Amino acid sequence: MLEEWILGVDMVSQGGFLDTRASYLIDIIISFLVTLPIATICSIFFVKRGYIKIHQFLQISLFFITIGSLSIFAYTVHYIEGFDYLIRKSSINPNMAFAILTIHVLSVITATMTWFLTIFYAINDKKRRALPGVYSGPHRRAGWRVLLSIVMVSITSLGIYWVLYIA
């Protein structure tokens, strides 16, 4: 299993630490996704204090950790545990669950594309010595859009978690 390869432990069959039907691995991932907006805000505070390298490192690290977490979450839900099985165990109407899943997928796609493009343009602008500087304003606005989309991913992840493992 994927969890055994990554962590050396079978974390799907064990119950998680949040006292729901979710596995330990899913609880770790949802905890990360809930704290992601806080980590992103901390990264923004670093850049406001002039620690640009720390901000850059945090944003790139958080981006790749988020991509990995969301990928493992999707793989676990759809292939290991089975989405249909989880929906049958839930007390939520399957149509409502599908609507929440659709909103979640759209918010994840929007967030990852926005975040990737912001990082990509920031790296290119830094190479041209236009950041910090000429493009600081547009980068700041893009950063706030990324933060908003990260908050949406966190909220919709909690919604999916609630539908699949609590309700």
C-alpha atoms as a PDB file:
ATOM      1  CA  MET A   1       0.000   0.000   0.000  1.00  0.00           C
ATOM      2  CA  LEU A   2       0.996   3.609  -0.563  1.00  0.00           C
ATOM      3  CA  GLU A   3       0.995   4.476   3.144  1.00  0.00           C
ATOM      4  CA  GLU A   4       3.273   1.577   3.988  1.00  0.00           C
ATOM      5  CA  TRP A   5       5.695   2.694   1.296  1.00  0.00           C
ATOM      6  CA  ILE A   6       5.619   6.345   2.430  1.00  0.00           C
ATOM      7  CA  LEU A   7       5.448   5.960   6.187  1.00  0.00           C
ATOM      8  CA  GLY A   8       6.299   2.316   6.811  1.00  0.00           C
ATOM      9  CA  VAL A   9       2.961   1.755   8.573  1.00  0.00           C
ATOM     10  CA  ASP A  10      -0.450   0.506   7.492  1.00  0.00           C
ATOM     11  CA  MET A  11      -2.390   3.689   8.197  1.00  0.00           C
ATOM     12  CA  VAL A  12      -5.551   2.904   6.263  1.00  0.00           C
ATOM     13  CA  SER A  13      -6.791   0.028   8.402  1.00  0.00           C
ATOM     14  CA  GLN A  14      -5.985   1.834  11.648  1.00  0.00           C
ATOM     15  CA  GLY A  15      -8.405   4.399  13.005  1.00  0.00           C
ATOM     16  CA  GLY A  16      -7.288   7.999  12.958  1.00  0.00           C
ATOM     17  CA  PHE A  17      -6.606  10.348  15.843  1.00  0.00           C
ATOM     18  CA  LEU A  18      -9.637  12.597  15.176  1.00  0.00           C
ATOM     19  CA  ASP A  19     -12.079   9.900  16.345  1.00  0.00           C
ATOM     20  CA  THR A  20     -13.947   9.525  13.046  1.00  0.00           C
ATOM     21  CA  ARG A  21     -14.191   6.762  10.440  1.00  0.00           C
ATOM     22  CA  ALA A  22     -11.111   8.199   8.713  1.00  0.00           C
ATOM     23  CA  SER A  23      -7.730   6.534   8.710  1.00  0.00           C
ATOM     24  CA  TYR A  24      -4.678   7.946  10.403  1.00  0.00           C
ATOM     25  CA  LEU A  25      -3.259   9.126   7.073  1.00  0.00           C
ATOM     26  CA  ILE A  26      -6.448  10.982   6.128  1.00  0.00           C
ATOM     27  CA  ASP A  27      -6.466  12.660   9.554  1.00  0.00           C
ATOM     28  CA  ILE A  28      -2.881  13.846   9.025  1.00  0.00           C
ATOM     29  CA  ILE A  29      -3.757  15.215   5.585  1.00  0.00           C
ATOM     30  CA  ILE A  30      -6.919  17.005   6.732  1.00  0.00           C
ATOM     31  CA  SER A  31      -5.022  18.503   9.666  1.00  0.00           C
ATOM     32  CA  PHE A  32      -2.427  19.854   7.240  1.00  0.00           C
ATOM     33  CA  LEU A  33      -5.086  21.243   4.885  1.00  0.00           C
ATOM     34  CA  VAL A  34      -6.884  22.988   7.755  1.00  0.00           C
ATOM     35  CA  THR A  35      -3.659  24.619   8.965  1.00  0.00           C
ATOM     36  CA  LEU A  36      -2.517  25.541   5.437  1.00  0.00           C
ATOM     37  CA  PRO A  37      -4.128  29.034   5.447  1.00  0.00           C
ATOM     38  CA  ILE A  38      -2.386  29.786   8.754  1.00  0.00           C
ATOM     39  CA  ALA A  39       0.977  28.680   7.324  1.00  0.00           C
ATOM     40  CA  THR A  40       0.361  30.813   4.243  1.00  0.00           C
ATOM     41  CA  ILE A  41      -0.442  33.866   6.373  1.00  0.00           C
ATOM     42  CA  CYS A  42       2.779  33.267   8.334  1.00  0.00           C
ATOM     43  CA  SER A  43       4.654  33.228   5.026  1.00  0.00           C
ATOM     44  CA  ILE A  44       3.065  36.571   4.121  1.00  0.00           C
ATOM     45  CA  PHE A  45       4.199  38.030   7.461  1.00  0.00           C
ATOM     46  CA  PHE A  46       7.760  36.922   6.697  1.00  0.00           C
ATOM     47  CA  VAL A  47       7.806  38.822   3.404  1.00  0.00           C
ATOM     48  CA  LYS A  48       6.264  41.899   5.044  1.00  0.00           C
ATOM     49  CA  ARG A  49       9.176  41.890   7.499  1.00  0.00           C
ATOM     50  CA  GLY A  50      11.674  41.642   4.641  1.00  0.00           C
ATOM     51  CA  TYR A  51      12.489  37.931   4.816  1.00  0.00           C
ATOM     52  CA  ILE A  52      11.947  37.268   1.123  1.00  0.00           C
ATOM     53  CA  LYS A  53      14.011  34.054   0.956  1.00  0.00           C
ATOM     54  CA  ILE A  54      12.017  32.491   3.819  1.00  0.00           C
ATOM     55  CA  HIS A  55       8.767  33.520   2.107  1.00  0.00           C
ATOM     56  CA  GLN A  56       9.942  32.006  -1.177  1.00  0.00           C
ATOM     57  CA  PHE A  57      11.042  28.769   0.501  1.00  0.00           C
ATOM     58  CA  LEU A  58       7.791  28.459   2.466  1.00  0.00           C
ATOM     59  CA  GLN A  59       5.569  29.094  -0.552  1.00  0.00           C
ATOM     60  CA  ILE A  60       7.350  26.580  -2.767  1.00  0.00           C
ATOM     61  CA  SER A  61       7.477  24.002   0.040  1.00  0.00           C
ATOM     62  CA  LEU A  62       3.821  24.477   0.967  1.00  0.00           C
ATOM     63  CA  PHE A  63       2.839  24.219  -2.691  1.00  0.00           C
ATOM     64  CA  PHE A  64       4.554  20.861  -3.197  1.00  0.00           C
ATOM     65  CA  ILE A  65       3.396  19.483   0.170  1.00  0.00           C
ATOM     66  CA  THR A  66      -0.163  20.513  -0.712  1.00  0.00           C
ATOM     67  CA  ILE A  67       0.025  18.850  -4.135  1.00  0.00           C
ATOM     68  CA  GLY A  68       1.326  15.686  -2.480  1.00  0.00           C
ATOM     69  CA  SER A  69      -1.300  15.773   0.274  1.00  0.00           C
ATOM     70  CA  LEU A  70      -4.187  16.307  -2.119  1.00  0.00           C
ATOM     71  CA  SER A  71      -2.883  13.556  -4.397  1.00  0.00           C
ATOM     72  CA  ILE A  72      -2.573  11.061  -1.548  1.00  0.00           C
ATOM     73  CA  PHE A  73      -6.005  12.117  -0.247  1.00  0.00           C
ATOM     74  CA  ALA A  74      -7.592  11.534  -3.665  1.00  0.00           C
ATOM     75  CA  TYR A  75      -5.770   8.231  -4.162  1.00  0.00           C
ATOM     76  CA  THR A  76      -6.782   6.977  -0.722  1.00  0.00           C
ATOM     77  CA  VAL A  77     -10.423   8.038  -1.043  1.00  0.00           C
ATOM     78  CA  HIS A  78     -10.955   6.790  -4.592  1.00  0.00           C
ATOM     79  CA  TYR A  79      -8.722   3.726  -4.901  1.00  0.00           C
ATOM     80  CA  ILE A  80      -7.932   2.359  -1.457  1.00  0.00           C
ATOM     81  CA  GLU A  81     -11.130   3.019   0.503  1.00  0.00           C
ATOM     82  CA  GLY A  82     -13.509   3.435  -2.430  1.00  0.00           C
ATOM     83  CA  PHE A  83     -15.577   6.571  -2.871  1.00  0.00           C
ATOM     84  CA  ASP A  84     -18.832   4.653  -3.454  1.00  0.00           C
ATOM     85  CA  TYR A  85     -18.280   2.628  -0.277  1.00  0.00           C
ATOM     86  CA  LEU A  86     -17.632   5.799   1.740  1.00  0.00           C
ATOM     87  CA  ILE A  87     -20.767   7.462   0.340  1.00  0.00           C
ATOM     88  CA  ARG A  88     -22.875   4.421   1.254  1.00  0.00           C
ATOM     89  CA  LYS A  89     -21.578   4.622   4.839  1.00  0.00           C
ATOM     90  CA  SER A  90     -22.423   8.328   5.018  1.00  0.00           C
ATOM     91  CA  SER A  91     -25.827   9.634   6.019  1.00  0.00           C
ATOM     92  CA  ILE A  92     -25.588  12.442   3.447  1.00  0.00           C
ATOM     93  CA  ASN A  93     -27.608  12.323   0.231  1.00  0.00           C
ATOM     94  CA  PRO A  94     -25.299  11.131  -2.590  1.00  0.00           C
ATOM     95  CA  ASN A  95     -26.345  14.079  -4.782  1.00  0.00           C
ATOM     96  CA  MET A  96     -25.310  16.513  -2.046  1.00  0.00           C
ATOM     97  CA  ALA A  97     -22.018  14.642  -1.620  1.00  0.00           C
ATOM     98  CA  PHE A  98     -21.397  14.864  -5.361  1.00  0.00           C
ATOM     99  CA  ALA A  99     -22.118  18.615  -5.315  1.00  0.00           C
ATOM    100  CA  ILE A 100     -19.653  19.127  -2.460  1.00  0.00           C
ATOM    101  CA  LEU A 101     -17.074  16.993  -4.276  1.00  0.00           C
ATOM    102  CA  THR A 102     -17.545  19.023  -7.473  1.00  0.00           C
ATOM    103  CA  ILE A 103     -17.039  22.308  -5.620  1.00  0.00           C
ATOM    104  CA  HIS A 104     -13.973  20.831  -3.923  1.00  0.00           C
ATOM    105  CA  VAL A 105     -12.422  19.672  -7.190  1.00  0.00           C
ATOM    106  CA  LEU A 106     -13.038  23.053  -8.836  1.00  0.00           C
ATOM    107  CA  SER A 107     -11.524  24.897  -5.867  1.00  0.00           C
ATOM    108  CA  VAL A 108      -8.472  22.601  -5.881  1.00  0.00           C
ATOM    109  CA  ILE A 109      -7.913  23.118  -9.604  1.00  0.00           C
ATOM    110  CA  THR A 110      -8.304  26.882  -9.241  1.00  0.00           C
ATOM    111  CA  ALA A 111      -6.014  27.051  -6.220  1.00  0.00           C
ATOM    112  CA  THR A 112      -3.234  24.919  -7.671  1.00  0.00           C
ATOM    113  CA  MET A 113      -3.226  26.737 -11.008  1.00  0.00           C
ATOM    114  CA  THR A 114      -3.315  30.182  -9.370  1.00  0.00           C
ATOM    115  CA  TRP A 115      -0.634  29.227  -6.873  1.00  0.00           C
ATOM    116  CA  PHE A 116       1.592  27.634  -9.521  1.00  0.00           C
ATOM    117  CA  LEU A 117       1.336  30.644 -11.829  1.00  0.00           C
ATOM    118  CA  THR A 118       2.062  33.050  -8.977  1.00  0.00           C
ATOM    119  CA  ILE A 119       5.188  31.102  -8.033  1.00  0.00           C
ATOM    120  CA  PHE A 120       6.228  30.721 -11.687  1.00  0.00           C
ATOM    121  CA  TYR A 121       5.903  34.437 -12.451  1.00  0.00           C
ATOM    122  CA  ALA A 122       7.578  35.380  -9.164  1.00  0.00           C
ATOM    123  CA  ILE A 123      10.620  33.256  -9.996  1.00  0.00           C
ATOM    124  CA  ASN A 124      10.821  34.694 -13.524  1.00  0.00           C
ATOM    125  CA  ASP A 125      10.330  38.264 -12.295  1.00  0.00           C
ATOM    126  CA  LYS A 126      13.014  37.773  -9.674  1.00  0.00           C
ATOM    127  CA  LYS A 127      15.450  36.583 -12.367  1.00  0.00           C
ATOM    128  CA  ARG A 128      14.728  39.773 -14.328  1.00  0.00           C
ATOM    129  CA  ARG A 129      15.207  41.802 -11.122  1.00  0.00           C
ATOM    130  CA  ALA A 130      11.620  43.071 -11.331  1.00  0.00           C
ATOM    131  CA  LEU A 131      10.572  41.482  -8.029  1.00  0.00           C
ATOM    132  CA  PRO A 132      10.758  43.043  -5.529  1.00  0.00           C
ATOM    133  CA  GLY A 133      10.160  46.178  -7.475  1.00  0.00           C
ATOM    134  CA  VAL A 134       8.081  46.803 -10.575  1.00  0.00           C
ATOM    135  CA  TYR A 135       5.875  43.712 -10.184  1.00  0.00           C
ATOM    136  CA  SER A 136       5.443  43.818  -6.421  1.00  0.00           C
ATOM    137  CA  GLY A 137       1.891  45.182  -6.669  1.00  0.00           C
ATOM    138  CA  PRO A 138       0.588  42.540  -9.105  1.00  0.00           C
ATOM    139  CA  HIS A 139       2.416  39.827  -7.145  1.00  0.00           C
ATOM    140  CA  ARG A 140       0.796  41.025  -3.917  1.00  0.00           C
ATOM    141  CA  ARG A 141      -2.679  40.902  -5.510  1.00  0.00           C
ATOM    142  CA  ALA A 142      -1.970  37.435  -6.933  1.00  0.00           C
ATOM    143  CA  GLY A 143      -0.831  36.333  -3.482  1.00  0.00           C
ATOM    144  CA  TRP A 144      -4.116  37.410  -1.932  1.00  0.00           C
ATOM    145  CA  ARG A 145      -5.998  35.486  -4.639  1.00  0.00           C
ATOM    146  CA  VAL A 146      -3.883  32.434  -3.793  1.00  0.00           C
ATOM    147  CA  LEU A 147      -4.667  32.849  -0.088  1.00  0.00           C
ATOM    148  CA  LEU A 148      -8.394  33.097  -0.840  1.00  0.00           C
ATOM    149  CA  SER A 149      -8.259  29.955  -2.988  1.00  0.00           C
ATOM    150  CA  ILE A 150      -6.291  28.123  -0.269  1.00  0.00           C
ATOM    151  CA  VAL A 151      -8.993  29.020   2.238  1.00  0.00           C
ATOM    152  CA  MET A 152     -11.586  27.624  -0.192  1.00  0.00           C
ATOM    153  CA  VAL A 153      -9.597  24.386  -0.522  1.00  0.00           C
ATOM    154  CA  SER A 154      -9.436  24.084   3.271  1.00  0.00           C
ATOM    155  CA  ILE A 155     -13.169  24.666   3.664  1.00  0.00           C
ATOM    156  CA  THR A 156     -14.140  22.266   0.888  1.00  0.00           C
ATOM    157  CA  SER A 157     -11.678  19.657   2.197  1.00  0.00           C
ATOM    158  CA  LEU A 158     -13.404  19.867   5.556  1.00  0.00           C
ATOM    159  CA  GLY A 159     -16.723  19.468   3.726  1.00  0.00           C
ATOM    160  CA  ILE A 160     -15.533  16.314   1.957  1.00  0.00           C
ATOM    161  CA  TYR A 161     -14.061  14.986   5.205  1.00  0.00           C
ATOM    162  CA  TRP A 162     -17.377  15.604   6.977  1.00  0.00           C
ATOM    163  CA  VAL A 163     -19.391  13.897   4.223  1.00  0.00           C
ATOM    164  CA  LEU A 164     -17.140  10.846   3.962  1.00  0.00           C
ATOM    165  CA  TYR A 165     -16.022  10.257   7.529  1.00  0.00           C
ATOM    166  CA  ILE A 166     -18.288  12.032  10.027  1.00  0.00           C
ATOM    167  CA  ALA A 167     -21.876  12.185   8.714  1.00  0.00           C
END
